[in-house]
């Protein structure tokens, strides 16, 4: 773990959102690229994602995974 995310998860939980999709791995080229969890509250949706093995500058350390994550977000596909 290069970048702590526990505080972010605590903040998300304070929003009182419902977990729509439990914590699970997301993949790029058949390999685990990170982990994600989806939340929902009425019409509001939030997806929290990590990039495995990346630091504060994810795109510098894991460019392929970050590009895949961005492309999926832009095309509205899930991780």
PDB file of N, CA and C in Angstrom:
ATOM      1  N   UNK A   1       0.848  -1.182   0.000  1.00  0.00           N
ATOM      2  CA  UNK A   1       0.000   0.000   0.000  1.00  0.00           C
ATOM      3  C   UNK A   1       0.889   1.238   0.000  1.00  0.00           C
ATOM      4  N   UNK A   2       0.900   1.930  -1.103  1.00  0.00           N
ATOM      5  CA  UNK A   2       1.735   3.113  -1.239  1.00  0.00           C
ATOM      6  C   UNK A   2       0.998   4.388  -0.851  1.00  0.00           C
ATOM      7  N   UNK A   3      -0.290   4.373  -0.969  1.00  0.00           N
ATOM      8  CA  UNK A   3      -1.092   5.563  -0.684  1.00  0.00           C
ATOM      9  C   UNK A   3      -2.266   5.149   0.204  1.00  0.00           C
ATOM     10  N   UNK A   4      -2.356   5.702   1.409  1.00  0.00           N
ATOM     11  CA  UNK A   4      -3.434   5.273   2.305  1.00  0.00           C
ATOM     12  C   UNK A   4      -4.811   5.709   1.780  1.00  0.00           C
ATOM     13  N   UNK A   5      -5.739   4.800   1.844  1.00  0.00           N
ATOM     14  CA  UNK A   5      -7.094   5.092   1.373  1.00  0.00           C
ATOM     15  C   UNK A   5      -8.130   4.905   2.471  1.00  0.00           C
ATOM     16  N   UNK A   6      -7.690   4.513   3.665  1.00  0.00           N
ATOM     17  CA  UNK A   6      -8.621   4.239   4.760  1.00  0.00           C
ATOM     18  C   UNK A   6      -9.423   5.487   5.123  1.00  0.00           C
ATOM     19  N   UNK A   7      -8.772   6.652   5.114  1.00  0.00           N
ATOM     20  CA  UNK A   7      -9.480   7.901   5.410  1.00  0.00           C
ATOM     21  C   UNK A   7     -10.546   8.208   4.379  1.00  0.00           C
ATOM     22  N   UNK A   8     -10.264   7.909   3.120  1.00  0.00           N
ATOM     23  CA  UNK A   8     -11.251   8.125   2.058  1.00  0.00           C
ATOM     24  C   UNK A   8     -12.451   7.214   2.259  1.00  0.00           C
ATOM     25  N   UNK A   9     -12.202   5.958   2.601  1.00  0.00           N
ATOM     26  CA  UNK A   9     -13.315   5.036   2.851  1.00  0.00           C
ATOM     27  C   UNK A   9     -14.155   5.508   4.037  1.00  0.00           C
ATOM     28  N   UNK A  10     -13.508   6.023   5.071  1.00  0.00           N
ATOM     29  CA  UNK A  10     -14.237   6.536   6.239  1.00  0.00           C
ATOM     30  C   UNK A  10     -15.126   7.710   5.823  1.00  0.00           C
ATOM     31  N   UNK A  11     -14.585   8.608   4.997  1.00  0.00           N
ATOM     32  CA  UNK A  11     -15.357   9.753   4.531  1.00  0.00           C
ATOM     33  C   UNK A  11     -16.551   9.295   3.698  1.00  0.00           C
ATOM     34  N   UNK A  12     -16.341   8.325   2.808  1.00  0.00           N
ATOM     35  CA  UNK A  12     -17.434   7.807   1.981  1.00  0.00           C
ATOM     36  C   UNK A  12     -18.522   7.217   2.866  1.00  0.00           C
ATOM     37  N   UNK A  13     -18.135   6.479   3.877  1.00  0.00           N
ATOM     38  CA  UNK A  13     -19.133   5.868   4.770  1.00  0.00           C
ATOM     39  C   UNK A  13     -19.930   6.920   5.533  1.00  0.00           C
ATOM     40  N   UNK A  14     -19.318   8.081   5.785  1.00  0.00           N
ATOM     41  CA  UNK A  14     -20.027   9.177   6.462  1.00  0.00           C
ATOM     42  C   UNK A  14     -21.127   9.772   5.577  1.00  0.00           C
ATOM     43  N   UNK A  15     -21.068   9.520   4.271  1.00  0.00           N
ATOM     44  CA  UNK A  15     -22.092  10.017   3.352  1.00  0.00           C
ATOM     45  C   UNK A  15     -23.382   9.211   3.427  1.00  0.00           C
ATOM     46  N   UNK A  16     -23.352   8.095   4.153  1.00  0.00           N
ATOM     47  CA  UNK A  16     -24.527   7.226   4.324  1.00  0.00           C
ATOM     48  C   UNK A  16     -25.097   6.733   2.994  1.00  0.00           C
ATOM     49  N   UNK A  17     -24.205   6.312   2.118  1.00  0.00           N
ATOM     50  CA  UNK A  17     -24.629   5.738   0.848  1.00  0.00           C
ATOM     51  C   UNK A  17     -24.825   4.242   1.010  1.00  0.00           C
ATOM     52  N   UNK A  18     -25.634   3.671   0.158  1.00  0.00           N
ATOM     53  CA  UNK A  18     -25.859   2.234   0.151  1.00  0.00           C
ATOM     54  C   UNK A  18     -24.830   1.578  -0.768  1.00  0.00           C
ATOM     55  N   UNK A  19     -24.232   0.502  -0.300  1.00  0.00           N
ATOM     56  CA  UNK A  19     -23.293  -0.243  -1.144  1.00  0.00           C
ATOM     57  C   UNK A  19     -24.094  -0.971  -2.207  1.00  0.00           C
ATOM     58  N   UNK A  20     -23.809  -0.675  -3.464  1.00  0.00           N
ATOM     59  CA  UNK A  20     -24.506  -1.293  -4.584  1.00  0.00           C
ATOM     60  C   UNK A  20     -23.718  -2.494  -5.123  1.00  0.00           C
ATOM     61  N   UNK A  21     -22.403  -2.397  -5.099  1.00  0.00           N
ATOM     62  CA  UNK A  21     -21.529  -3.465  -5.582  1.00  0.00           C
ATOM     63  C   UNK A  21     -20.377  -3.580  -4.596  1.00  0.00           C
ATOM     64  N   UNK A  22     -20.303  -4.703  -3.880  1.00  0.00           N
ATOM     65  CA  UNK A  22     -19.297  -4.875  -2.831  1.00  0.00           C
ATOM     66  C   UNK A  22     -17.875  -4.838  -3.362  1.00  0.00           C
ATOM     67  N   UNK A  23     -16.953  -4.584  -2.450  1.00  0.00           N
ATOM     68  CA  UNK A  23     -15.521  -4.525  -2.710  1.00  0.00           C
ATOM     69  C   UNK A  23     -15.104  -5.732  -3.551  1.00  0.00           C
ATOM     70  N   UNK A  24     -14.502  -5.462  -4.710  1.00  0.00           N
ATOM     71  CA  UNK A  24     -14.097  -6.540  -5.608  1.00  0.00           C
ATOM     72  C   UNK A  24     -12.923  -6.071  -6.461  1.00  0.00           C
ATOM     73  N   UNK A  25     -12.168  -7.012  -7.013  1.00  0.00           N
ATOM     74  CA  UNK A  25     -11.063  -6.629  -7.894  1.00  0.00           C
ATOM     75  C   UNK A  25     -11.577  -6.188  -9.257  1.00  0.00           C
ATOM     76  N   UNK A  26     -10.836  -5.316  -9.915  1.00  0.00           N
ATOM     77  CA  UNK A  26     -11.083  -4.996 -11.315  1.00  0.00           C
ATOM     78  C   UNK A  26      -9.814  -5.335 -12.088  1.00  0.00           C
ATOM     79  N   UNK A  27      -9.967  -5.725 -13.341  1.00  0.00           N
ATOM     80  CA  UNK A  27      -8.861  -6.305 -14.101  1.00  0.00           C
ATOM     81  C   UNK A  27      -8.518  -5.540 -15.366  1.00  0.00           C
ATOM     82  N   UNK A  28      -7.253  -5.666 -15.751  1.00  0.00           N
ATOM     83  CA  UNK A  28      -6.757  -5.189 -17.045  1.00  0.00           C
ATOM     84  C   UNK A  28      -5.902  -6.321 -17.605  1.00  0.00           C
ATOM     85  N   UNK A  29      -6.227  -6.752 -18.795  1.00  0.00           N
ATOM     86  CA  UNK A  29      -5.507  -7.857 -19.448  1.00  0.00           C
ATOM     87  C   UNK A  29      -5.417  -9.107 -18.575  1.00  0.00           C
ATOM     88  N   UNK A  30      -6.499  -9.412 -17.889  1.00  0.00           N
ATOM     89  CA  UNK A  30      -6.564 -10.621 -17.079  1.00  0.00           C
ATOM     90  C   UNK A  30      -5.833 -10.547 -15.742  1.00  0.00           C
ATOM     91  N   UNK A  31      -5.266  -9.386 -15.407  1.00  0.00           N
ATOM     92  CA  UNK A  31      -4.552  -9.218 -14.145  1.00  0.00           C
ATOM     93  C   UNK A  31      -5.318  -8.240 -13.249  1.00  0.00           C
ATOM     94  N   UNK A  32      -5.245  -8.447 -11.934  1.00  0.00           N
ATOM     95  CA  UNK A  32      -5.895  -7.527 -11.002  1.00  0.00           C
ATOM     96  C   UNK A  32      -5.196  -6.177 -11.090  1.00  0.00           C
ATOM     97  N   UNK A  33      -5.956  -5.136 -11.440  1.00  0.00           N
ATOM     98  CA  UNK A  33      -5.418  -3.781 -11.573  1.00  0.00           C
ATOM     99  C   UNK A  33      -5.685  -2.950 -10.330  1.00  0.00           C
ATOM    100  N   UNK A  34      -6.621  -3.402  -9.505  1.00  0.00           N
ATOM    101  CA  UNK A  34      -6.987  -2.675  -8.291  1.00  0.00           C
ATOM    102  C   UNK A  34      -8.283  -3.235  -7.747  1.00  0.00           C
ATOM    103  N   UNK A  35      -8.905  -2.431  -6.889  1.00  0.00           N
ATOM    104  CA  UNK A  35     -10.152  -2.859  -6.261  1.00  0.00           C
ATOM    105  C   UNK A  35     -11.153  -1.723  -6.324  1.00  0.00           C
ATOM    106  N   UNK A  36     -12.430  -2.073  -6.334  1.00  0.00           N
ATOM    107  CA  UNK A  36     -13.474  -1.069  -6.478  1.00  0.00           C
ATOM    108  C   UNK A  36     -14.692  -1.429  -5.626  1.00  0.00           C
ATOM    109  N   UNK A  37     -15.447  -0.420  -5.292  1.00  0.00           N
ATOM    110  CA  UNK A  37     -16.718  -0.589  -4.588  1.00  0.00           C
ATOM    111  C   UNK A  37     -17.652   0.510  -5.080  1.00  0.00           C
ATOM    112  N   UNK A  38     -18.904   0.161  -5.361  1.00  0.00           N
ATOM    113  CA  UNK A  38     -19.888   1.127  -5.856  1.00  0.00           C
ATOM    114  C   UNK A  38     -20.905   1.444  -4.775  1.00  0.00           C
ATOM    115  N   UNK A  39     -21.283   2.719  -4.717  1.00  0.00           N
ATOM    116  CA  UNK A  39     -22.252   3.202  -3.743  1.00  0.00           C
ATOM    117  C   UNK A  39     -23.363   3.934  -4.473  1.00  0.00           C
ATOM    118  N   UNK A  40     -24.531   4.001  -3.832  1.00  0.00           N
ATOM    119  CA  UNK A  40     -25.679   4.669  -4.442  1.00  0.00           C
ATOM    120  C   UNK A  40     -26.580   5.255  -3.360  1.00  0.00           C
ATOM    121  N   UNK A  41     -27.210   6.371  -3.702  1.00  0.00           N
ATOM    122  CA  UNK A  41     -28.231   6.986  -2.861  1.00  0.00           C
ATOM    123  C   UNK A  41     -29.170   7.739  -3.800  1.00  0.00           C
ATOM    124  N   UNK A  42     -30.345   7.180  -4.013  1.00  0.00           N
ATOM    125  CA  UNK A  42     -31.314   7.726  -4.972  1.00  0.00           C
ATOM    126  C   UNK A  42     -30.656   7.831  -6.347  1.00  0.00           C
ATOM    127  N   UNK A  43     -30.532   9.050  -6.894  1.00  0.00           N
ATOM    128  CA  UNK A  43     -29.944   9.230  -8.221  1.00  0.00           C
ATOM    129  C   UNK A  43     -28.438   9.495  -8.176  1.00  0.00           C
ATOM    130  N   UNK A  44     -27.857   9.490  -6.988  1.00  0.00           N
ATOM    131  CA  UNK A  44     -26.422   9.751  -6.832  1.00  0.00           C
ATOM    132  C   UNK A  44     -25.649   8.440  -6.823  1.00  0.00           C
ATOM    133  N   UNK A  45     -24.627   8.350  -7.663  1.00  0.00           N
ATOM    134  CA  UNK A  45     -23.770   7.164  -7.732  1.00  0.00           C
ATOM    135  C   UNK A  45     -22.322   7.562  -7.484  1.00  0.00           C
ATOM    136  N   UNK A  46     -21.592   6.696  -6.811  1.00  0.00           N
ATOM    137  CA  UNK A  46     -20.180   6.931  -6.539  1.00  0.00           C
ATOM    138  C   UNK A  46     -19.438   5.612  -6.678  1.00  0.00           C
ATOM    139  N   UNK A  47     -18.345   5.628  -7.415  1.00  0.00           N
ATOM    140  CA  UNK A  47     -17.485   4.459  -7.537  1.00  0.00           C
ATOM    141  C   UNK A  47     -16.135   4.804  -6.946  1.00  0.00           C
ATOM    142  N   UNK A  48     -15.710   4.036  -5.964  1.00  0.00           N
ATOM    143  CA  UNK A  48     -14.386   4.194  -5.366  1.00  0.00           C
ATOM    144  C   UNK A  48     -13.497   3.119  -5.968  1.00  0.00           C
ATOM    145  N   UNK A  49     -12.324   3.522  -6.451  1.00  0.00           N
ATOM    146  CA  UNK A  49     -11.416   2.565  -7.071  1.00  0.00           C
ATOM    147  C   UNK A  49      -9.990   2.797  -6.602  1.00  0.00           C
ATOM    148  N   UNK A  50      -9.258   1.711  -6.441  1.00  0.00           N
ATOM    149  CA  UNK A  50      -7.832   1.791  -6.160  1.00  0.00           C
ATOM    150  C   UNK A  50      -7.082   1.242  -7.370  1.00  0.00           C
ATOM    151  N   UNK A  51      -5.817   1.628  -7.478  1.00  0.00           N
ATOM    152  CA  UNK A  51      -4.945   1.095  -8.513  1.00  0.00           C
ATOM    153  C   UNK A  51      -3.815   0.381  -7.787  1.00  0.00           C
ATOM    154  N   UNK A  52      -3.753  -0.919  -7.965  1.00  0.00           N
ATOM    155  CA  UNK A  52      -2.802  -1.759  -7.249  1.00  0.00           C
ATOM    156  C   UNK A  52      -1.354  -1.397  -7.613  1.00  0.00           C
ATOM    157  N   UNK A  53      -0.547  -1.143  -6.581  1.00  0.00           N
ATOM    158  CA  UNK A  53       0.868  -0.868  -6.773  1.00  0.00           C
ATOM    159  C   UNK A  53       1.201   0.540  -7.209  1.00  0.00           C
ATOM    160  N   UNK A  54       0.231   1.444  -7.212  1.00  0.00           N
ATOM    161  CA  UNK A  54       0.479   2.826  -7.626  1.00  0.00           C
ATOM    162  C   UNK A  54       0.670   3.723  -6.420  1.00  0.00           C
ATOM    163  N   UNK A  55       1.325   4.841  -6.628  1.00  0.00           N
ATOM    164  CA  UNK A  55       1.527   5.828  -5.575  1.00  0.00           C
ATOM    165  C   UNK A  55       0.577   6.998  -5.773  1.00  0.00           C
ATOM    166  N   UNK A  56       0.977   8.169  -5.252  1.00  0.00           N
ATOM    167  CA  UNK A  56       0.133   9.363  -5.364  1.00  0.00           C
ATOM    168  C   UNK A  56      -0.080   9.782  -6.818  1.00  0.00           C
ATOM    169  N   UNK A  57       0.872   9.478  -7.678  1.00  0.00           N
ATOM    170  CA  UNK A  57       0.744   9.808  -9.090  1.00  0.00           C
ATOM    171  C   UNK A  57       0.531   8.509  -9.875  1.00  0.00           C
ATOM    172  N   UNK A  58      -0.678   8.015  -9.783  1.00  0.00           N
ATOM    173  CA  UNK A  58      -1.014   6.707 -10.373  1.00  0.00           C
ATOM    174  C   UNK A  58      -0.607   6.591 -11.827  1.00  0.00           C
ATOM    175  N   UNK A  59      -0.894   7.601 -12.602  1.00  0.00           N
ATOM    176  CA  UNK A  59      -0.611   7.529 -14.040  1.00  0.00           C
ATOM    177  C   UNK A  59       0.882   7.390 -14.328  1.00  0.00           C
ATOM    178  N   UNK A  60       1.714   7.870 -13.433  1.00  0.00           N
ATOM    179  CA  UNK A  60       3.159   7.729 -13.615  1.00  0.00           C
ATOM    180  C   UNK A  60       3.612   6.296 -13.357  1.00  0.00           C
ATOM    181  N   UNK A  61       3.050   5.672 -12.327  1.00  0.00           N
ATOM    182  CA  UNK A  61       3.458   4.327 -11.937  1.00  0.00           C
ATOM    183  C   UNK A  61       2.715   3.219 -12.674  1.00  0.00           C
ATOM    184  N   UNK A  62       1.453   3.446 -12.989  1.00  0.00           N
ATOM    185  CA  UNK A  62       0.608   2.426 -13.621  1.00  0.00           C
ATOM    186  C   UNK A  62      -0.187   3.037 -14.783  1.00  0.00           C
ATOM    187  N   UNK A  63       0.508   3.456 -15.851  1.00  0.00           N
ATOM    188  CA  UNK A  63      -0.195   4.141 -16.945  1.00  0.00           C
ATOM    189  C   UNK A  63      -1.241   3.287 -17.656  1.00  0.00           C
ATOM    190  N   UNK A  64      -0.947   2.014 -17.879  1.00  0.00           N
ATOM    191  CA  UNK A  64      -1.901   1.150 -18.591  1.00  0.00           C
ATOM    192  C   UNK A  64      -3.190   0.998 -17.793  1.00  0.00           C
ATOM    193  N   UNK A  65      -3.061   0.784 -16.493  1.00  0.00           N
ATOM    194  CA  UNK A  65      -4.236   0.606 -15.642  1.00  0.00           C
ATOM    195  C   UNK A  65      -5.040   1.895 -15.544  1.00  0.00           C
ATOM    196  N   UNK A  66      -4.352   3.024 -15.428  1.00  0.00           N
ATOM    197  CA  UNK A  66      -5.056   4.309 -15.331  1.00  0.00           C
ATOM    198  C   UNK A  66      -5.772   4.660 -16.624  1.00  0.00           C
ATOM    199  N   UNK A  67      -5.137   4.361 -17.752  1.00  0.00           N
ATOM    200  CA  UNK A  67      -5.792   4.609 -19.033  1.00  0.00           C
ATOM    201  C   UNK A  67      -7.035   3.739 -19.170  1.00  0.00           C
ATOM    202  N   UNK A  68      -6.938   2.486 -18.784  1.00  0.00           N
ATOM    203  CA  UNK A  68      -8.102   1.592 -18.848  1.00  0.00           C
ATOM    204  C   UNK A  68      -9.224   2.106 -17.954  1.00  0.00           C
ATOM    205  N   UNK A  69      -8.868   2.572 -16.751  1.00  0.00           N
ATOM    206  CA  UNK A  69      -9.876   3.092 -15.826  1.00  0.00           C
ATOM    207  C   UNK A  69     -10.546   4.330 -16.427  1.00  0.00           C
ATOM    208  N   UNK A  70      -9.772   5.248 -17.003  1.00  0.00           N
ATOM    209  CA  UNK A  70     -10.313   6.459 -17.608  1.00  0.00           C
ATOM    210  C   UNK A  70     -11.206   6.126 -18.804  1.00  0.00           C
ATOM    211  N   UNK A  71     -10.744   5.228 -19.670  1.00  0.00           N
ATOM    212  CA  UNK A  71     -11.543   4.851 -20.839  1.00  0.00           C
ATOM    213  C   UNK A  71     -12.868   4.216 -20.437  1.00  0.00           C
ATOM    214  N   UNK A  72     -12.852   3.398 -19.411  1.00  0.00           N
ATOM    215  CA  UNK A  72     -14.102   2.771 -18.943  1.00  0.00           C
ATOM    216  C   UNK A  72     -15.037   3.811 -18.350  1.00  0.00           C
ATOM    217  N   UNK A  73     -14.484   4.789 -17.628  1.00  0.00           N
ATOM    218  CA  UNK A  73     -15.309   5.840 -17.025  1.00  0.00           C
ATOM    219  C   UNK A  73     -15.940   6.702 -18.113  1.00  0.00           C
ATOM    220  N   UNK A  74     -15.141   7.110 -19.100  1.00  0.00           N
ATOM    221  CA  UNK A  74     -15.658   7.958 -20.181  1.00  0.00           C
ATOM    222  C   UNK A  74     -16.736   7.229 -20.974  1.00  0.00           C
ATOM    223  N   UNK A  75     -16.567   5.943 -21.196  1.00  0.00           N
ATOM    224  CA  UNK A  75     -17.539   5.179 -21.974  1.00  0.00           C
ATOM    225  C   UNK A  75     -18.670   4.618 -21.105  1.00  0.00           C
ATOM    226  N   UNK A  76     -18.649   4.976 -19.814  1.00  0.00           N
ATOM    227  CA  UNK A  76     -19.679   4.582 -18.846  1.00  0.00           C
ATOM    228  C   UNK A  76     -19.764   3.085 -18.638  1.00  0.00           C
ATOM    229  N   UNK A  77     -18.612   2.391 -18.789  1.00  0.00           N
ATOM    230  CA  UNK A  77     -18.540   0.960 -18.501  1.00  0.00           C
ATOM    231  C   UNK A  77     -17.999   0.790 -17.097  1.00  0.00           C
ATOM    232  N   UNK A  78     -18.384  -0.284 -16.434  1.00  0.00           N
ATOM    233  CA  UNK A  78     -17.896  -0.513 -15.073  1.00  0.00           C
ATOM    234  C   UNK A  78     -16.478  -1.044 -15.102  1.00  0.00           C
ATOM    235  N   UNK A  79     -15.814  -0.892 -13.980  1.00  0.00           N
ATOM    236  CA  UNK A  79     -14.442  -1.404 -13.870  1.00  0.00           C
ATOM    237  C   UNK A  79     -14.445  -2.914 -13.801  1.00  0.00           C
TER     238      UNK A  79
END
